[in-house]
């Protein structure tokens, strides 16, 4: 299993305080146009489907967004 309760909790804590832009580009051709809705829906899915392999990409995308936001925050500091 790629993630468990601890990782979900850490992800939730990060996104509670993160400043979310309206849009974000994950990769060429992969644009999120409502980051807040994206984060909410993905957190719901990883909570409800924890341990189900086919849903791991939802966690992976949250990790990508977290990394992008963390890098942007470091760059602004």
PDB file of N, CA and C in Angstrom:
ATOM      1  N   UNK A   1       0.846  -1.184   0.000  1.00  0.00           N
ATOM      2  CA  UNK A   1       0.000   0.000   0.000  1.00  0.00           C
ATOM      3  C   UNK A   1       0.884   1.237   0.000  1.00  0.00           C
ATOM      4  N   UNK A   2       0.578   2.150  -0.874  1.00  0.00           N
ATOM      5  CA  UNK A   2       1.393   3.349  -1.061  1.00  0.00           C
ATOM      6  C   UNK A   2       1.199   4.379   0.050  1.00  0.00           C
ATOM      7  N   UNK A   3       0.009   4.460   0.606  1.00  0.00           N
ATOM      8  CA  UNK A   3      -0.270   5.454   1.640  1.00  0.00           C
ATOM      9  C   UNK A   3      -1.213   4.861   2.675  1.00  0.00           C
ATOM     10  N   UNK A   4      -1.135   5.411   3.884  1.00  0.00           N
ATOM     11  CA  UNK A   4      -1.981   4.937   4.981  1.00  0.00           C
ATOM     12  C   UNK A   4      -2.522   6.154   5.726  1.00  0.00           C
ATOM     13  N   UNK A   5      -3.124   5.915   6.875  1.00  0.00           N
ATOM     14  CA  UNK A   5      -3.749   6.995   7.647  1.00  0.00           C
ATOM     15  C   UNK A   5      -2.783   8.142   7.922  1.00  0.00           C
ATOM     16  N   UNK A   6      -1.538   7.822   8.249  1.00  0.00           N
ATOM     17  CA  UNK A   6      -0.554   8.859   8.569  1.00  0.00           C
ATOM     18  C   UNK A   6      -0.330   9.785   7.374  1.00  0.00           C
ATOM     19  N   UNK A   7      -0.156   9.210   6.199  1.00  0.00           N
ATOM     20  CA  UNK A   7       0.084  10.008   5.000  1.00  0.00           C
ATOM     21  C   UNK A   7      -1.146  10.846   4.628  1.00  0.00           C
ATOM     22  N   UNK A   8      -2.315  10.270   4.813  1.00  0.00           N
ATOM     23  CA  UNK A   8      -3.544  11.008   4.537  1.00  0.00           C
ATOM     24  C   UNK A   8      -3.663  12.186   5.491  1.00  0.00           C
ATOM     25  N   UNK A   9      -3.395  11.955   6.757  1.00  0.00           N
ATOM     26  CA  UNK A   9      -3.472  13.023   7.756  1.00  0.00           C
ATOM     27  C   UNK A   9      -2.462  14.127   7.447  1.00  0.00           C
ATOM     28  N   UNK A  10      -1.247  13.752   7.085  1.00  0.00           N
ATOM     29  CA  UNK A  10      -0.237  14.751   6.734  1.00  0.00           C
ATOM     30  C   UNK A  10      -0.674  15.572   5.524  1.00  0.00           C
ATOM     31  N   UNK A  11      -1.274  14.912   4.546  1.00  0.00           N
ATOM     32  CA  UNK A  11      -1.749  15.597   3.353  1.00  0.00           C
ATOM     33  C   UNK A  11      -2.864  16.575   3.725  1.00  0.00           C
ATOM     34  N   UNK A  12      -3.794  16.128   4.563  1.00  0.00           N
ATOM     35  CA  UNK A  12      -4.893  16.998   4.993  1.00  0.00           C
ATOM     36  C   UNK A  12      -4.362  18.217   5.745  1.00  0.00           C
ATOM     37  N   UNK A  13      -3.392  18.010   6.623  1.00  0.00           N
ATOM     38  CA  UNK A  13      -2.824  19.120   7.383  1.00  0.00           C
ATOM     39  C   UNK A  13      -2.132  20.125   6.459  1.00  0.00           C
ATOM     40  N   UNK A  14      -1.412  19.634   5.486  1.00  0.00           N
ATOM     41  CA  UNK A  14      -0.744  20.530   4.547  1.00  0.00           C
ATOM     42  C   UNK A  14      -1.757  21.399   3.812  1.00  0.00           C
ATOM     43  N   UNK A  15      -2.798  20.774   3.268  1.00  0.00           N
ATOM     44  CA  UNK A  15      -3.748  21.518   2.452  1.00  0.00           C
ATOM     45  C   UNK A  15      -4.688  22.401   3.269  1.00  0.00           C
ATOM     46  N   UNK A  16      -4.789  22.178   4.591  1.00  0.00           N
ATOM     47  CA  UNK A  16      -5.588  23.070   5.446  1.00  0.00           C
ATOM     48  C   UNK A  16      -4.988  24.464   5.488  1.00  0.00           C
ATOM     49  N   UNK A  17      -3.661  24.535   5.459  1.00  0.00           N
ATOM     50  CA  UNK A  17      -2.991  25.827   5.612  1.00  0.00           C
ATOM     51  C   UNK A  17      -2.370  26.349   4.321  1.00  0.00           C
ATOM     52  N   UNK A  18      -2.349  25.533   3.286  1.00  0.00           N
ATOM     53  CA  UNK A  18      -1.711  25.937   2.030  1.00  0.00           C
ATOM     54  C   UNK A  18      -2.533  27.015   1.326  1.00  0.00           C
ATOM     55  N   UNK A  19      -1.832  27.938   0.718  1.00  0.00           N
ATOM     56  CA  UNK A  19      -2.477  28.948  -0.120  1.00  0.00           C
ATOM     57  C   UNK A  19      -2.635  28.323  -1.502  1.00  0.00           C
ATOM     58  N   UNK A  20      -3.881  28.115  -1.897  1.00  0.00           N
ATOM     59  CA  UNK A  20      -4.157  27.421  -3.153  1.00  0.00           C
ATOM     60  C   UNK A  20      -4.448  28.422  -4.269  1.00  0.00           C
ATOM     61  N   UNK A  21      -3.735  28.296  -5.372  1.00  0.00           N
ATOM     62  CA  UNK A  21      -4.059  29.144  -6.522  1.00  0.00           C
ATOM     63  C   UNK A  21      -5.352  28.638  -7.165  1.00  0.00           C
ATOM     64  N   UNK A  22      -5.922  29.428  -8.049  1.00  0.00           N
ATOM     65  CA  UNK A  22      -7.127  28.983  -8.761  1.00  0.00           C
ATOM     66  C   UNK A  22      -6.795  27.836  -9.704  1.00  0.00           C
ATOM     67  N   UNK A  23      -5.674  27.953 -10.421  1.00  0.00           N
ATOM     68  CA  UNK A  23      -5.272  26.935 -11.385  1.00  0.00           C
ATOM     69  C   UNK A  23      -3.831  26.524 -11.129  1.00  0.00           C
ATOM     70  N   UNK A  24      -3.492  25.344 -11.628  1.00  0.00           N
ATOM     71  CA  UNK A  24      -2.119  24.860 -11.516  1.00  0.00           C
ATOM     72  C   UNK A  24      -1.859  23.900 -12.677  1.00  0.00           C
ATOM     73  N   UNK A  25      -0.635  23.900 -13.154  1.00  0.00           N
ATOM     74  CA  UNK A  25      -0.240  23.027 -14.252  1.00  0.00           C
ATOM     75  C   UNK A  25       0.612  21.901 -13.678  1.00  0.00           C
ATOM     76  N   UNK A  26       0.112  20.661 -13.746  1.00  0.00           N
ATOM     77  CA  UNK A  26       0.856  19.516 -13.219  1.00  0.00           C
ATOM     78  C   UNK A  26       1.910  19.017 -14.192  1.00  0.00           C
ATOM     79  N   UNK A  27       1.585  19.074 -15.462  1.00  0.00           N
ATOM     80  CA  UNK A  27       2.471  18.575 -16.517  1.00  0.00           C
ATOM     81  C   UNK A  27       1.956  19.143 -17.832  1.00  0.00           C
ATOM     82  N   UNK A  28       2.728  19.018 -18.896  1.00  0.00           N
ATOM     83  CA  UNK A  28       2.209  19.493 -20.188  1.00  0.00           C
ATOM     84  C   UNK A  28       0.873  18.827 -20.517  1.00  0.00           C
ATOM     85  N   UNK A  29      -0.128  19.651 -20.715  1.00  0.00           N
ATOM     86  CA  UNK A  29      -1.458  19.144 -21.037  1.00  0.00           C
ATOM     87  C   UNK A  29      -2.288  18.722 -19.840  1.00  0.00           C
ATOM     88  N   UNK A  30      -1.750  18.861 -18.637  1.00  0.00           N
ATOM     89  CA  UNK A  30      -2.483  18.479 -17.420  1.00  0.00           C
ATOM     90  C   UNK A  30      -2.652  19.728 -16.565  1.00  0.00           C
ATOM     91  N   UNK A  31      -3.782  20.392 -16.737  1.00  0.00           N
ATOM     92  CA  UNK A  31      -4.076  21.625 -16.010  1.00  0.00           C
ATOM     93  C   UNK A  31      -5.254  21.414 -15.078  1.00  0.00           C
ATOM     94  N   UNK A  32      -5.096  21.854 -13.844  1.00  0.00           N
ATOM     95  CA  UNK A  32      -6.185  21.812 -12.879  1.00  0.00           C
ATOM     96  C   UNK A  32      -6.773  23.221 -12.863  1.00  0.00           C
ATOM     97  N   UNK A  33      -8.045  23.330 -13.172  1.00  0.00           N
ATOM     98  CA  UNK A  33      -8.651  24.656 -13.275  1.00  0.00           C
ATOM     99  C   UNK A  33      -9.349  25.108 -11.999  1.00  0.00           C
ATOM    100  N   UNK A  34      -9.566  24.211 -11.047  1.00  0.00           N
ATOM    101  CA  UNK A  34     -10.139  24.552  -9.748  1.00  0.00           C
ATOM    102  C   UNK A  34      -9.399  23.735  -8.694  1.00  0.00           C
ATOM    103  N   UNK A  35      -8.299  24.292  -8.221  1.00  0.00           N
ATOM    104  CA  UNK A  35      -7.409  23.558  -7.315  1.00  0.00           C
ATOM    105  C   UNK A  35      -8.123  23.191  -6.020  1.00  0.00           C
ATOM    106  N   UNK A  36      -8.921  24.089  -5.488  1.00  0.00           N
ATOM    107  CA  UNK A  36      -9.625  23.814  -4.229  1.00  0.00           C
ATOM    108  C   UNK A  36     -10.544  22.591  -4.377  1.00  0.00           C
ATOM    109  N   UNK A  37     -11.325  22.528  -5.446  1.00  0.00           N
ATOM    110  CA  UNK A  37     -12.211  21.394  -5.688  1.00  0.00           C
ATOM    111  C   UNK A  37     -11.407  20.124  -5.940  1.00  0.00           C
ATOM    112  N   UNK A  38     -10.300  20.251  -6.658  1.00  0.00           N
ATOM    113  CA  UNK A  38      -9.416  19.117  -6.933  1.00  0.00           C
ATOM    114  C   UNK A  38      -8.907  18.512  -5.633  1.00  0.00           C
ATOM    115  N   UNK A  39      -8.385  19.351  -4.750  1.00  0.00           N
ATOM    116  CA  UNK A  39      -7.834  18.872  -3.479  1.00  0.00           C
ATOM    117  C   UNK A  39      -8.929  18.215  -2.649  1.00  0.00           C
ATOM    118  N   UNK A  40     -10.075  18.868  -2.546  1.00  0.00           N
ATOM    119  CA  UNK A  40     -11.183  18.315  -1.760  1.00  0.00           C
ATOM    120  C   UNK A  40     -11.586  16.940  -2.274  1.00  0.00           C
ATOM    121  N   UNK A  41     -11.812  16.833  -3.573  1.00  0.00           N
ATOM    122  CA  UNK A  41     -12.276  15.560  -4.136  1.00  0.00           C
ATOM    123  C   UNK A  41     -11.220  14.466  -4.007  1.00  0.00           C
ATOM    124  N   UNK A  42      -9.965  14.808  -4.230  1.00  0.00           N
ATOM    125  CA  UNK A  42      -8.904  13.807  -4.138  1.00  0.00           C
ATOM    126  C   UNK A  42      -8.704  13.331  -2.698  1.00  0.00           C
ATOM    127  N   UNK A  43      -8.813  14.241  -1.726  1.00  0.00           N
ATOM    128  CA  UNK A  43      -8.704  13.825  -0.327  1.00  0.00           C
ATOM    129  C   UNK A  43      -9.854  12.886   0.044  1.00  0.00           C
ATOM    130  N   UNK A  44     -11.047  13.188  -0.436  1.00  0.00           N
ATOM    131  CA  UNK A  44     -12.195  12.313  -0.174  1.00  0.00           C
ATOM    132  C   UNK A  44     -11.946  10.917  -0.729  1.00  0.00           C
ATOM    133  N   UNK A  45     -11.462  10.853  -1.943  1.00  0.00           N
ATOM    134  CA  UNK A  45     -11.237   9.559  -2.600  1.00  0.00           C
ATOM    135  C   UNK A  45     -10.173   8.746  -1.873  1.00  0.00           C
ATOM    136  N   UNK A  46      -9.055   9.375  -1.490  1.00  0.00           N
ATOM    137  CA  UNK A  46      -8.014   8.583  -0.829  1.00  0.00           C
ATOM    138  C   UNK A  46      -8.452   8.135   0.562  1.00  0.00           C
ATOM    139  N   UNK A  47      -9.328   8.900   1.220  1.00  0.00           N
ATOM    140  CA  UNK A  47      -9.861   8.456   2.508  1.00  0.00           C
ATOM    141  C   UNK A  47     -10.782   7.249   2.326  1.00  0.00           C
ATOM    142  N   UNK A  48     -11.671   7.353   1.354  1.00  0.00           N
ATOM    143  CA  UNK A  48     -12.675   6.305   1.160  1.00  0.00           C
ATOM    144  C   UNK A  48     -12.116   5.041   0.524  1.00  0.00           C
ATOM    145  N   UNK A  49     -11.085   5.173  -0.280  1.00  0.00           N
ATOM    146  CA  UNK A  49     -10.563   4.036  -1.039  1.00  0.00           C
ATOM    147  C   UNK A  49      -9.136   3.666  -0.641  1.00  0.00           C
ATOM    148  N   UNK A  50      -8.817   3.929   0.612  1.00  0.00           N
ATOM    149  CA  UNK A  50      -7.478   3.631   1.119  1.00  0.00           C
ATOM    150  C   UNK A  50      -7.150   2.154   0.923  1.00  0.00           C
ATOM    151  N   UNK A  51      -5.991   1.901   0.335  1.00  0.00           N
ATOM    152  CA  UNK A  51      -5.550   0.525   0.156  1.00  0.00           C
ATOM    153  C   UNK A  51      -5.975  -0.105  -1.153  1.00  0.00           C
ATOM    154  N   UNK A  52      -6.779   0.604  -1.934  1.00  0.00           N
ATOM    155  CA  UNK A  52      -7.212   0.071  -3.227  1.00  0.00           C
ATOM    156  C   UNK A  52      -6.252   0.611  -4.289  1.00  0.00           C
ATOM    157  N   UNK A  53      -5.482  -0.275  -4.862  1.00  0.00           N
ATOM    158  CA  UNK A  53      -4.387   0.103  -5.763  1.00  0.00           C
ATOM    159  C   UNK A  53      -4.816   1.016  -6.900  1.00  0.00           C
ATOM    160  N   UNK A  54      -5.954   0.776  -7.473  1.00  0.00           N
ATOM    161  CA  UNK A  54      -6.379   1.561  -8.637  1.00  0.00           C
ATOM    162  C   UNK A  54      -6.588   3.044  -8.296  1.00  0.00           C
ATOM    163  N   UNK A  55      -6.760   3.369  -7.010  1.00  0.00           N
ATOM    164  CA  UNK A  55      -6.971   4.753  -6.597  1.00  0.00           C
ATOM    165  C   UNK A  55      -5.679   5.462  -6.169  1.00  0.00           C
ATOM    166  N   UNK A  56      -4.541   4.798  -6.230  1.00  0.00           N
ATOM    167  CA  UNK A  56      -3.274   5.411  -5.843  1.00  0.00           C
ATOM    168  C   UNK A  56      -2.898   6.638  -6.671  1.00  0.00           C
ATOM    169  N   UNK A  57      -3.276   6.725  -7.951  1.00  0.00           N
ATOM    170  CA  UNK A  57      -2.959   7.957  -8.703  1.00  0.00           C
ATOM    171  C   UNK A  57      -3.575   9.222  -8.095  1.00  0.00           C
ATOM    172  N   UNK A  58      -4.665   9.092  -7.364  1.00  0.00           N
ATOM    173  CA  UNK A  58      -5.250  10.253  -6.703  1.00  0.00           C
ATOM    174  C   UNK A  58      -4.281  10.779  -5.644  1.00  0.00           C
ATOM    175  N   UNK A  59      -3.667   9.879  -4.911  1.00  0.00           N
ATOM    176  CA  UNK A  59      -2.659  10.272  -3.922  1.00  0.00           C
ATOM    177  C   UNK A  59      -1.441  10.862  -4.620  1.00  0.00           C
ATOM    178  N   UNK A  60      -1.009  10.222  -5.697  1.00  0.00           N
ATOM    179  CA  UNK A  60       0.163  10.704  -6.436  1.00  0.00           C
ATOM    180  C   UNK A  60      -0.040  12.126  -6.945  1.00  0.00           C
ATOM    181  N   UNK A  61      -1.238  12.431  -7.439  1.00  0.00           N
ATOM    182  CA  UNK A  61      -1.505  13.789  -7.936  1.00  0.00           C
ATOM    183  C   UNK A  61      -1.506  14.797  -6.798  1.00  0.00           C
ATOM    184  N   UNK A  62      -2.013  14.416  -5.635  1.00  0.00           N
ATOM    185  CA  UNK A  62      -1.946  15.322  -4.482  1.00  0.00           C
ATOM    186  C   UNK A  62      -0.503  15.592  -4.090  1.00  0.00           C
ATOM    187  N   UNK A  63       0.335  14.575  -4.150  1.00  0.00           N
ATOM    188  CA  UNK A  63       1.757  14.747  -3.848  1.00  0.00           C
ATOM    189  C   UNK A  63       2.377  15.726  -4.840  1.00  0.00           C
ATOM    190  N   UNK A  64       2.030  15.608  -6.117  1.00  0.00           N
ATOM    191  CA  UNK A  64       2.547  16.522  -7.131  1.00  0.00           C
ATOM    192  C   UNK A  64       2.148  17.961  -6.825  1.00  0.00           C
ATOM    193  N   UNK A  65       0.888  18.175  -6.510  1.00  0.00           N
ATOM    194  CA  UNK A  65       0.412  19.526  -6.197  1.00  0.00           C
ATOM    195  C   UNK A  65       1.131  20.054  -4.963  1.00  0.00           C
ATOM    196  N   UNK A  66       1.271  19.220  -3.948  1.00  0.00           N
ATOM    197  CA  UNK A  66       1.974  19.632  -2.722  1.00  0.00           C
ATOM    198  C   UNK A  66       3.411  20.045  -3.031  1.00  0.00           C
ATOM    199  N   UNK A  67       4.098  19.282  -3.866  1.00  0.00           N
ATOM    200  CA  UNK A  67       5.481  19.612  -4.227  1.00  0.00           C
ATOM    201  C   UNK A  67       5.557  20.926  -4.986  1.00  0.00           C
ATOM    202  N   UNK A  68       4.648  21.142  -5.915  1.00  0.00           N
ATOM    203  CA  UNK A  68       4.627  22.382  -6.693  1.00  0.00           C
ATOM    204  C   UNK A  68       4.382  23.576  -5.784  1.00  0.00           C
ATOM    205  N   UNK A  69       3.411  23.453  -4.873  1.00  0.00           N
ATOM    206  CA  UNK A  69       3.111  24.544  -3.956  1.00  0.00           C
ATOM    207  C   UNK A  69       4.256  24.805  -2.985  1.00  0.00           C
ATOM    208  N   UNK A  70       4.899  23.742  -2.524  1.00  0.00           N
ATOM    209  CA  UNK A  70       6.041  23.902  -1.606  1.00  0.00           C
ATOM    210  C   UNK A  70       7.202  24.585  -2.300  1.00  0.00           C
ATOM    211  N   UNK A  71       7.470  24.223  -3.553  1.00  0.00           N
ATOM    212  CA  UNK A  71       8.542  24.861  -4.309  1.00  0.00           C
ATOM    213  C   UNK A  71       8.234  26.329  -4.552  1.00  0.00           C
ATOM    214  N   UNK A  72       6.981  26.646  -4.872  1.00  0.00           N
ATOM    215  CA  UNK A  72       6.591  28.033  -5.100  1.00  0.00           C
ATOM    216  C   UNK A  72       6.731  28.849  -3.829  1.00  0.00           C
ATOM    217  N   UNK A  73       6.391  28.241  -2.695  1.00  0.00           N
ATOM    218  CA  UNK A  73       6.506  28.918  -1.416  1.00  0.00           C
ATOM    219  C   UNK A  73       7.970  29.198  -1.064  1.00  0.00           C
ATOM    220  N   UNK A  74       8.838  28.229  -1.342  1.00  0.00           N
ATOM    221  CA  UNK A  74      10.266  28.402  -1.085  1.00  0.00           C
ATOM    222  C   UNK A  74      10.851  29.481  -1.986  1.00  0.00           C
ATOM    223  N   UNK A  75      10.379  29.524  -3.221  1.00  0.00           N
ATOM    224  CA  UNK A  75      10.855  30.521  -4.165  1.00  0.00           C
ATOM    225  C   UNK A  75      10.433  31.926  -3.790  1.00  0.00           C
ATOM    226  N   UNK A  76       9.275  32.049  -3.120  1.00  0.00           N
ATOM    227  CA  UNK A  76       8.761  33.358  -2.715  1.00  0.00           C
ATOM    228  C   UNK A  76       9.430  33.836  -1.437  1.00  0.00           C
ATOM    229  N   UNK A  77       9.987  32.917  -0.679  1.00  0.00           N
ATOM    230  CA  UNK A  77      10.590  33.284   0.615  1.00  0.00           C
ATOM    231  C   UNK A  77      11.949  33.896   0.471  1.00  0.00           C
TER     232      UNK A  77
END
